[in-house]
């Protein structure tokens, strides 16, 4: 799977570890930055990953900041993105199954690395359930205008 990943300064350390983890698991990973833990503005990096997914350059996006919340808000401003902030495996499974989420945002401060690895595994391995959820996702996407 082609995955685009980025962080801000607060998520930098986990982004580095998660990037390596994804590569070890056989994924092609585009690291969209940053290259250090110097202070940066998270919307800049959320936009890079979200555009990769929106434009079909990546199958999924991964964003890491302090909480994951700001990254989700910013990524969801890009047309075609359904970014979700996941703090446990169940959130990741349901986000994919019910909402066909295409970007996962993670907390680098409040969720341990091993849990974020499990969240990523669940997010990337769970398929969209379709059925009754398909119409709801269509309605969500129609809100973009």
N, C-alpha and C. Protein backbone atom coordinates (compact mmCIF):
# COMPACT_ATOMS: atom_id res chain seq x y z
N UNK A 1 0.85 -1.18 0.00
CA UNK A 1 0.00 0.00 0.00
C UNK A 1 0.89 1.24 0.00
N UNK A 2 0.50 2.27 -0.72
CA UNK A 2 1.21 3.54 -0.73
C UNK A 2 0.65 4.43 0.37
N UNK A 3 1.52 4.87 1.27
CA UNK A 3 1.10 5.65 2.42
C UNK A 3 1.90 6.95 2.47
N UNK A 4 1.20 8.04 2.69
CA UNK A 4 1.82 9.34 2.90
C UNK A 4 1.76 9.65 4.39
N UNK A 5 2.89 10.09 4.96
CA UNK A 5 2.96 10.32 6.40
C UNK A 5 3.63 11.66 6.68
N UNK A 6 3.16 12.33 7.73
CA UNK A 6 3.78 13.58 8.17
C UNK A 6 3.42 13.81 9.64
N UNK A 7 4.05 14.83 10.20
CA UNK A 7 3.79 15.18 11.59
C UNK A 7 4.04 16.67 11.77
N UNK A 8 3.89 17.10 13.00
CA UNK A 8 4.43 18.38 13.41
C UNK A 8 5.57 18.08 14.38
N UNK A 9 6.06 19.08 15.07
CA UNK A 9 7.17 18.88 16.00
C UNK A 9 6.80 17.94 17.15
N UNK A 10 5.57 18.03 17.64
CA UNK A 10 5.14 17.20 18.76
C UNK A 10 5.01 15.73 18.38
N UNK A 11 4.74 15.46 17.12
CA UNK A 11 4.58 14.08 16.67
C UNK A 11 5.79 13.54 15.94
N UNK A 12 6.85 14.36 15.84
CA UNK A 12 8.00 13.98 15.01
C UNK A 12 8.62 12.64 15.41
N UNK A 13 8.89 12.45 16.67
CA UNK A 13 9.56 11.21 17.11
C UNK A 13 8.73 9.98 16.75
N UNK A 14 7.43 10.02 17.02
CA UNK A 14 6.59 8.87 16.66
C UNK A 14 6.44 8.73 15.16
N UNK A 15 6.39 9.85 14.43
CA UNK A 15 6.30 9.76 12.97
C UNK A 15 7.48 9.00 12.41
N UNK A 16 8.66 9.29 12.91
CA UNK A 16 9.86 8.61 12.44
C UNK A 16 9.75 7.10 12.70
N UNK A 17 9.34 6.75 13.91
CA UNK A 17 9.22 5.33 14.27
C UNK A 17 8.11 4.65 13.47
N UNK A 18 6.99 5.32 13.29
CA UNK A 18 5.88 4.75 12.53
C UNK A 18 6.21 4.61 11.05
N UNK A 19 6.92 5.56 10.51
CA UNK A 19 7.38 5.46 9.11
C UNK A 19 8.22 4.19 8.94
N UNK A 20 9.20 4.00 9.83
CA UNK A 20 10.05 2.81 9.75
C UNK A 20 9.25 1.53 9.93
N UNK A 21 8.29 1.56 10.84
CA UNK A 21 7.41 0.40 11.07
C UNK A 21 6.63 0.05 9.82
N UNK A 22 6.07 1.05 9.15
CA UNK A 22 5.29 0.80 7.93
C UNK A 22 6.18 0.24 6.82
N UNK A 23 7.37 0.77 6.70
CA UNK A 23 8.30 0.27 5.68
C UNK A 23 8.66 -1.19 5.97
N UNK A 24 8.92 -1.51 7.24
CA UNK A 24 9.22 -2.89 7.64
C UNK A 24 8.07 -3.83 7.30
N UNK A 25 6.85 -3.32 7.32
CA UNK A 25 5.67 -4.13 7.03
C UNK A 25 5.37 -4.19 5.53
N UNK A 26 6.25 -3.62 4.72
CA UNK A 26 6.15 -3.76 3.28
C UNK A 26 5.42 -2.65 2.55
N UNK A 27 5.07 -1.57 3.23
CA UNK A 27 4.38 -0.46 2.59
C UNK A 27 5.37 0.49 1.94
N UNK A 28 4.96 1.13 0.86
CA UNK A 28 5.72 2.22 0.25
C UNK A 28 5.30 3.49 0.98
N UNK A 29 6.26 4.19 1.55
CA UNK A 29 5.94 5.33 2.40
C UNK A 29 6.60 6.60 1.87
N UNK A 30 5.77 7.64 1.68
CA UNK A 30 6.27 8.97 1.34
C UNK A 30 6.26 9.80 2.61
N UNK A 31 7.44 10.14 3.10
CA UNK A 31 7.57 10.97 4.30
C UNK A 31 7.53 12.43 3.87
N UNK A 32 6.44 13.11 4.24
CA UNK A 32 6.21 14.49 3.83
C UNK A 32 6.73 15.50 4.86
N UNK A 33 7.48 15.01 5.84
CA UNK A 33 8.13 15.91 6.79
C UNK A 33 7.40 16.01 8.12
N UNK A 34 7.97 16.82 8.95
CA UNK A 34 9.20 17.57 8.81
C UNK A 34 10.43 16.68 9.00
N UNK A 35 11.61 17.30 8.86
CA UNK A 35 12.86 16.56 8.96
C UNK A 35 13.52 16.68 10.32
N UNK A 36 12.88 17.42 11.24
CA UNK A 36 13.42 17.57 12.59
C UNK A 36 12.26 17.89 13.52
N UNK A 37 12.56 17.98 14.80
CA UNK A 37 11.52 18.32 15.77
C UNK A 37 11.47 19.82 16.06
N UNK A 38 12.03 20.63 15.15
CA UNK A 38 11.89 22.09 15.27
C UNK A 38 10.42 22.46 15.09
N UNK A 39 9.99 23.54 15.74
CA UNK A 39 8.60 23.96 15.69
C UNK A 39 8.16 24.22 14.26
N UNK A 40 7.00 23.66 13.91
CA UNK A 40 6.38 23.87 12.59
C UNK A 40 4.88 24.06 12.79
N UNK A 41 4.21 24.47 11.74
CA UNK A 41 2.76 24.63 11.77
C UNK A 41 2.11 23.39 11.16
N UNK A 42 1.35 22.65 11.98
CA UNK A 42 0.78 21.37 11.54
C UNK A 42 -0.12 21.46 10.32
N UNK A 43 -0.87 22.56 10.08
CA UNK A 43 -1.71 22.56 8.88
C UNK A 43 -0.92 22.40 7.58
N UNK A 44 0.31 22.90 7.55
CA UNK A 44 1.13 22.77 6.35
C UNK A 44 1.39 21.31 6.01
N UNK A 45 1.65 20.51 7.01
CA UNK A 45 1.97 19.10 6.80
C UNK A 45 0.71 18.26 6.62
N UNK A 46 -0.36 18.63 7.30
CA UNK A 46 -1.63 17.94 7.09
C UNK A 46 -2.09 18.09 5.65
N UNK A 47 -1.91 19.27 5.10
CA UNK A 47 -2.32 19.54 3.72
C UNK A 47 -1.52 18.70 2.73
N UNK A 48 -0.22 18.54 2.96
CA UNK A 48 0.60 17.74 2.05
C UNK A 48 0.10 16.30 1.97
N UNK A 49 -0.13 15.70 3.12
CA UNK A 49 -0.59 14.30 3.16
C UNK A 49 -2.00 14.19 2.60
N UNK A 50 -2.89 15.09 3.00
CA UNK A 50 -4.27 15.03 2.53
C UNK A 50 -4.34 15.19 1.01
N UNK A 51 -3.52 16.05 0.46
CA UNK A 51 -3.50 16.21 -1.00
C UNK A 51 -2.96 14.96 -1.69
N UNK A 52 -1.97 14.32 -1.09
CA UNK A 52 -1.47 13.06 -1.65
C UNK A 52 -2.60 12.04 -1.77
N UNK A 53 -3.41 11.95 -0.72
CA UNK A 53 -4.53 10.99 -0.72
C UNK A 53 -5.61 11.45 -1.69
N UNK A 54 -5.97 12.71 -1.62
CA UNK A 54 -7.03 13.25 -2.47
C UNK A 54 -6.70 13.10 -3.95
N UNK A 55 -5.44 13.27 -4.30
CA UNK A 55 -5.01 13.21 -5.70
C UNK A 55 -4.64 11.79 -6.15
N UNK A 56 -4.80 10.81 -5.27
CA UNK A 56 -4.52 9.43 -5.63
C UNK A 56 -3.06 9.04 -5.63
N UNK A 57 -2.20 9.89 -5.09
CA UNK A 57 -0.77 9.56 -4.99
C UNK A 57 -0.49 8.61 -3.84
N UNK A 58 -1.42 8.55 -2.88
CA UNK A 58 -1.30 7.65 -1.74
C UNK A 58 -2.65 6.99 -1.50
N UNK A 59 -2.61 5.75 -1.04
CA UNK A 59 -3.84 5.03 -0.72
C UNK A 59 -4.40 5.44 0.63
N UNK A 60 -3.52 5.88 1.52
CA UNK A 60 -3.93 6.29 2.86
C UNK A 60 -2.94 7.31 3.38
N UNK A 61 -3.39 8.10 4.35
CA UNK A 61 -2.53 9.09 4.98
C UNK A 61 -2.43 8.85 6.47
N UNK A 62 -1.28 9.20 7.03
CA UNK A 62 -1.03 9.09 8.47
C UNK A 62 -0.44 10.42 8.92
N UNK A 63 -1.05 11.01 9.93
CA UNK A 63 -0.60 12.28 10.48
C UNK A 63 -0.45 12.16 11.99
N UNK A 64 0.63 12.71 12.52
CA UNK A 64 0.90 12.63 13.96
C UNK A 64 1.19 14.03 14.49
N UNK A 65 0.44 14.44 15.50
CA UNK A 65 0.74 15.68 16.21
C UNK A 65 0.58 15.40 17.70
N UNK A 66 0.51 16.43 18.51
CA UNK A 66 0.40 16.20 19.95
C UNK A 66 -0.82 15.37 20.31
N UNK A 67 -1.98 15.76 19.80
CA UNK A 67 -3.22 15.03 20.09
C UNK A 67 -3.76 14.29 18.88
N UNK A 68 -3.44 14.76 17.69
CA UNK A 68 -4.05 14.26 16.46
C UNK A 68 -5.27 15.06 16.06
N UNK A 69 -5.77 15.86 16.95
CA UNK A 69 -7.00 16.61 16.69
C UNK A 69 -6.80 17.69 15.64
N UNK A 70 -5.79 18.52 15.82
CA UNK A 70 -5.55 19.60 14.86
C UNK A 70 -5.27 19.09 13.47
N UNK A 71 -4.51 18.00 13.38
CA UNK A 71 -4.22 17.40 12.08
C UNK A 71 -5.50 16.96 11.40
N UNK A 72 -6.42 16.35 12.15
CA UNK A 72 -7.69 15.90 11.56
C UNK A 72 -8.50 17.08 11.05
N UNK A 73 -8.58 18.13 11.85
CA UNK A 73 -9.34 19.32 11.44
C UNK A 73 -8.76 19.88 10.14
N UNK A 74 -7.44 20.02 10.09
CA UNK A 74 -6.80 20.59 8.90
C UNK A 74 -6.96 19.68 7.68
N UNK A 75 -6.71 18.39 7.84
CA UNK A 75 -6.78 17.46 6.71
C UNK A 75 -8.19 17.41 6.13
N UNK A 76 -9.20 17.51 6.97
CA UNK A 76 -10.58 17.44 6.50
C UNK A 76 -11.00 18.65 5.67
N UNK A 77 -10.17 19.67 5.58
CA UNK A 77 -10.45 20.82 4.72
C UNK A 77 -10.14 20.52 3.25
N UNK A 78 -9.42 19.42 3.00
CA UNK A 78 -9.04 19.06 1.63
C UNK A 78 -10.13 18.19 1.03
N UNK A 79 -10.56 18.54 -0.17
CA UNK A 79 -11.63 17.83 -0.87
C UNK A 79 -11.35 16.32 -0.92
N UNK A 80 -12.34 15.53 -0.54
CA UNK A 80 -12.24 14.08 -0.63
C UNK A 80 -11.64 13.39 0.57
N UNK A 81 -11.29 14.14 1.58
CA UNK A 81 -10.64 13.54 2.74
C UNK A 81 -11.64 13.29 3.86
N UNK A 82 -11.49 12.11 4.44
CA UNK A 82 -12.22 11.74 5.64
C UNK A 82 -11.16 11.34 6.67
N UNK A 83 -10.65 12.34 7.37
CA UNK A 83 -9.60 12.13 8.37
C UNK A 83 -10.23 11.92 9.74
N UNK A 84 -9.70 10.95 10.46
CA UNK A 84 -10.22 10.62 11.78
C UNK A 84 -9.09 10.54 12.79
N UNK A 85 -9.35 11.07 13.96
CA UNK A 85 -8.41 11.00 15.07
C UNK A 85 -8.71 9.72 15.85
N UNK A 86 -7.77 8.79 15.83
CA UNK A 86 -7.99 7.50 16.48
C UNK A 86 -7.07 7.36 17.69
N UNK A 87 -7.67 7.00 18.82
CA UNK A 87 -6.92 6.83 20.05
C UNK A 87 -6.87 5.38 20.51
N UNK A 88 -7.57 4.50 19.78
CA UNK A 88 -7.50 3.07 20.09
C UNK A 88 -7.87 2.27 18.84
N UNK A 89 -7.66 0.98 18.92
CA UNK A 89 -7.89 0.09 17.78
C UNK A 89 -9.35 0.10 17.35
N UNK A 90 -10.27 0.13 18.28
CA UNK A 90 -11.69 0.10 17.94
C UNK A 90 -12.09 1.34 17.13
N UNK A 91 -11.57 2.50 17.50
CA UNK A 91 -11.85 3.71 16.72
C UNK A 91 -11.37 3.53 15.29
N UNK A 92 -10.17 2.97 15.11
CA UNK A 92 -9.61 2.78 13.78
C UNK A 92 -10.46 1.82 12.96
N UNK A 93 -10.86 0.72 13.56
CA UNK A 93 -11.68 -0.26 12.84
C UNK A 93 -13.01 0.34 12.41
N UNK A 94 -13.68 1.04 13.32
CA UNK A 94 -14.98 1.62 13.01
C UNK A 94 -14.87 2.78 12.02
N UNK A 95 -13.79 3.55 12.11
CA UNK A 95 -13.59 4.64 11.16
C UNK A 95 -13.47 4.12 9.74
N UNK A 96 -12.80 3.01 9.58
CA UNK A 96 -12.67 2.41 8.24
C UNK A 96 -13.97 1.72 7.83
N UNK A 97 -14.51 0.90 8.72
CA UNK A 97 -15.68 0.10 8.37
C UNK A 97 -16.92 0.96 8.13
N UNK A 98 -17.15 1.95 8.95
CA UNK A 98 -18.38 2.75 8.86
C UNK A 98 -18.22 4.03 8.04
N UNK A 99 -17.03 4.64 8.07
CA UNK A 99 -16.86 5.96 7.46
C UNK A 99 -15.92 5.97 6.27
N UNK A 100 -15.34 4.82 5.94
CA UNK A 100 -14.38 4.71 4.84
C UNK A 100 -13.31 5.79 4.96
N UNK A 101 -12.83 6.01 6.19
CA UNK A 101 -11.80 7.02 6.45
C UNK A 101 -10.57 6.71 5.62
N UNK A 102 -9.92 7.77 5.12
CA UNK A 102 -8.73 7.57 4.29
C UNK A 102 -7.48 8.22 4.87
N UNK A 103 -7.62 8.92 5.97
CA UNK A 103 -6.48 9.48 6.70
C UNK A 103 -6.70 9.23 8.19
N UNK A 104 -5.67 8.74 8.86
CA UNK A 104 -5.73 8.54 10.30
C UNK A 104 -4.80 9.54 10.96
N UNK A 105 -5.28 10.18 12.01
CA UNK A 105 -4.44 11.08 12.77
C UNK A 105 -4.22 10.48 14.15
N UNK A 106 -2.99 10.63 14.62
CA UNK A 106 -2.57 9.97 15.85
C UNK A 106 -1.98 10.96 16.83
N UNK A 107 -2.07 10.62 18.10
CA UNK A 107 -1.49 11.44 19.16
C UNK A 107 -0.09 10.96 19.49
N UNK A 108 0.87 11.85 19.34
CA UNK A 108 2.24 11.53 19.70
C UNK A 108 2.55 11.80 21.17
N UNK A 109 1.65 12.48 21.86
CA UNK A 109 1.88 12.81 23.28
C UNK A 109 1.08 11.95 24.25
N UNK A 110 -0.11 11.53 23.86
CA UNK A 110 -1.00 10.87 24.80
C UNK A 110 -1.24 9.40 24.52
N UNK A 111 -0.72 8.90 23.38
CA UNK A 111 -0.87 7.49 23.02
C UNK A 111 0.54 6.93 22.81
N UNK A 112 0.81 5.82 23.46
CA UNK A 112 2.13 5.19 23.36
C UNK A 112 2.37 4.66 21.94
N UNK A 113 3.63 4.58 21.56
CA UNK A 113 4.01 4.13 20.23
C UNK A 113 3.44 2.75 19.90
N UNK A 114 3.53 1.81 20.81
CA UNK A 114 3.02 0.46 20.52
C UNK A 114 1.53 0.47 20.24
N UNK A 115 0.78 1.29 20.96
CA UNK A 115 -0.66 1.40 20.69
C UNK A 115 -0.90 2.05 19.34
N UNK A 116 -0.11 3.06 18.99
CA UNK A 116 -0.27 3.69 17.68
C UNK A 116 0.06 2.70 16.56
N UNK A 117 0.99 1.81 16.77
CA UNK A 117 1.27 0.76 15.78
C UNK A 117 0.06 -0.14 15.61
N UNK A 118 -0.57 -0.52 16.72
CA UNK A 118 -1.77 -1.36 16.63
C UNK A 118 -2.91 -0.61 15.94
N UNK A 119 -3.05 0.67 16.24
CA UNK A 119 -4.07 1.50 15.58
C UNK A 119 -3.82 1.53 14.07
N UNK A 120 -2.58 1.75 13.67
CA UNK A 120 -2.24 1.76 12.25
C UNK A 120 -2.54 0.43 11.59
N UNK A 121 -2.16 -0.65 12.24
CA UNK A 121 -2.45 -1.98 11.68
C UNK A 121 -3.94 -2.16 11.45
N UNK A 122 -4.74 -1.78 12.44
CA UNK A 122 -6.19 -1.91 12.32
C UNK A 122 -6.74 -1.02 11.21
N UNK A 123 -6.27 0.21 11.16
CA UNK A 123 -6.74 1.15 10.15
C UNK A 123 -6.44 0.64 8.74
N UNK A 124 -5.25 0.13 8.54
CA UNK A 124 -4.83 -0.29 7.21
C UNK A 124 -5.38 -1.65 6.80
N UNK A 125 -5.78 -2.46 7.76
CA UNK A 125 -6.27 -3.80 7.42
C UNK A 125 -7.79 -3.93 7.42
N UNK A 126 -8.49 -2.93 7.91
CA UNK A 126 -9.95 -2.98 7.96
C UNK A 126 -10.52 -2.37 6.69
N UNK A 127 -11.45 -3.07 6.07
CA UNK A 127 -12.10 -2.58 4.86
C UNK A 127 -13.37 -1.82 5.16
N UNK A 128 -13.83 -1.10 4.18
CA UNK A 128 -15.10 -0.39 4.28
C UNK A 128 -16.24 -1.39 4.24
N UNK A 129 -17.19 -1.24 5.14
CA UNK A 129 -18.31 -2.17 5.23
C UNK A 129 -19.35 -2.01 4.14
N UNK A 130 -19.40 -0.83 3.51
CA UNK A 130 -20.40 -0.61 2.46
C UNK A 130 -21.80 -0.73 3.03
N UNK A 131 -22.71 -1.28 2.24
CA UNK A 131 -24.08 -1.48 2.70
C UNK A 131 -24.71 -0.21 3.21
N UNK A 132 -25.29 -0.28 4.39
CA UNK A 132 -25.99 0.88 4.96
C UNK A 132 -25.06 2.06 5.19
N UNK A 133 -23.74 1.79 5.30
CA UNK A 133 -22.78 2.87 5.53
C UNK A 133 -22.47 3.66 4.25
N UNK A 134 -22.63 3.05 3.09
CA UNK A 134 -22.28 3.70 1.83
C UNK A 134 -23.10 4.98 1.62
N UNK A 135 -24.37 4.91 1.86
CA UNK A 135 -25.22 6.10 1.69
C UNK A 135 -24.85 7.21 2.65
N UNK A 136 -24.44 6.83 3.85
CA UNK A 136 -24.04 7.84 4.83
C UNK A 136 -22.75 8.53 4.41
N UNK A 137 -21.81 7.75 3.89
CA UNK A 137 -20.55 8.34 3.42
C UNK A 137 -20.83 9.25 2.23
N UNK A 138 -21.73 8.84 1.35
CA UNK A 138 -22.10 9.71 0.22
C UNK A 138 -22.67 11.03 0.71
N UNK A 139 -23.50 10.97 1.76
CA UNK A 139 -24.06 12.20 2.31
C UNK A 139 -22.98 13.08 2.94
N UNK A 140 -22.01 12.46 3.59
CA UNK A 140 -20.88 13.21 4.15
C UNK A 140 -20.12 13.92 3.04
N UNK A 141 -19.84 13.20 1.97
CA UNK A 141 -19.07 13.79 0.88
C UNK A 141 -19.85 14.88 0.15
N UNK A 142 -21.16 14.76 0.13
CA UNK A 142 -21.98 15.79 -0.50
C UNK A 142 -21.94 17.11 0.27
N UNK A 143 -21.57 17.07 1.53
CA UNK A 143 -21.46 18.28 2.33
C UNK A 143 -20.32 19.17 1.87
N UNK A 144 -19.38 18.61 1.11
CA UNK A 144 -18.25 19.42 0.61
C UNK A 144 -18.72 20.48 -0.38
N UNK A 145 -19.86 20.27 -0.98
CA UNK A 145 -20.40 21.27 -1.87
C UNK A 145 -19.90 21.20 -3.22
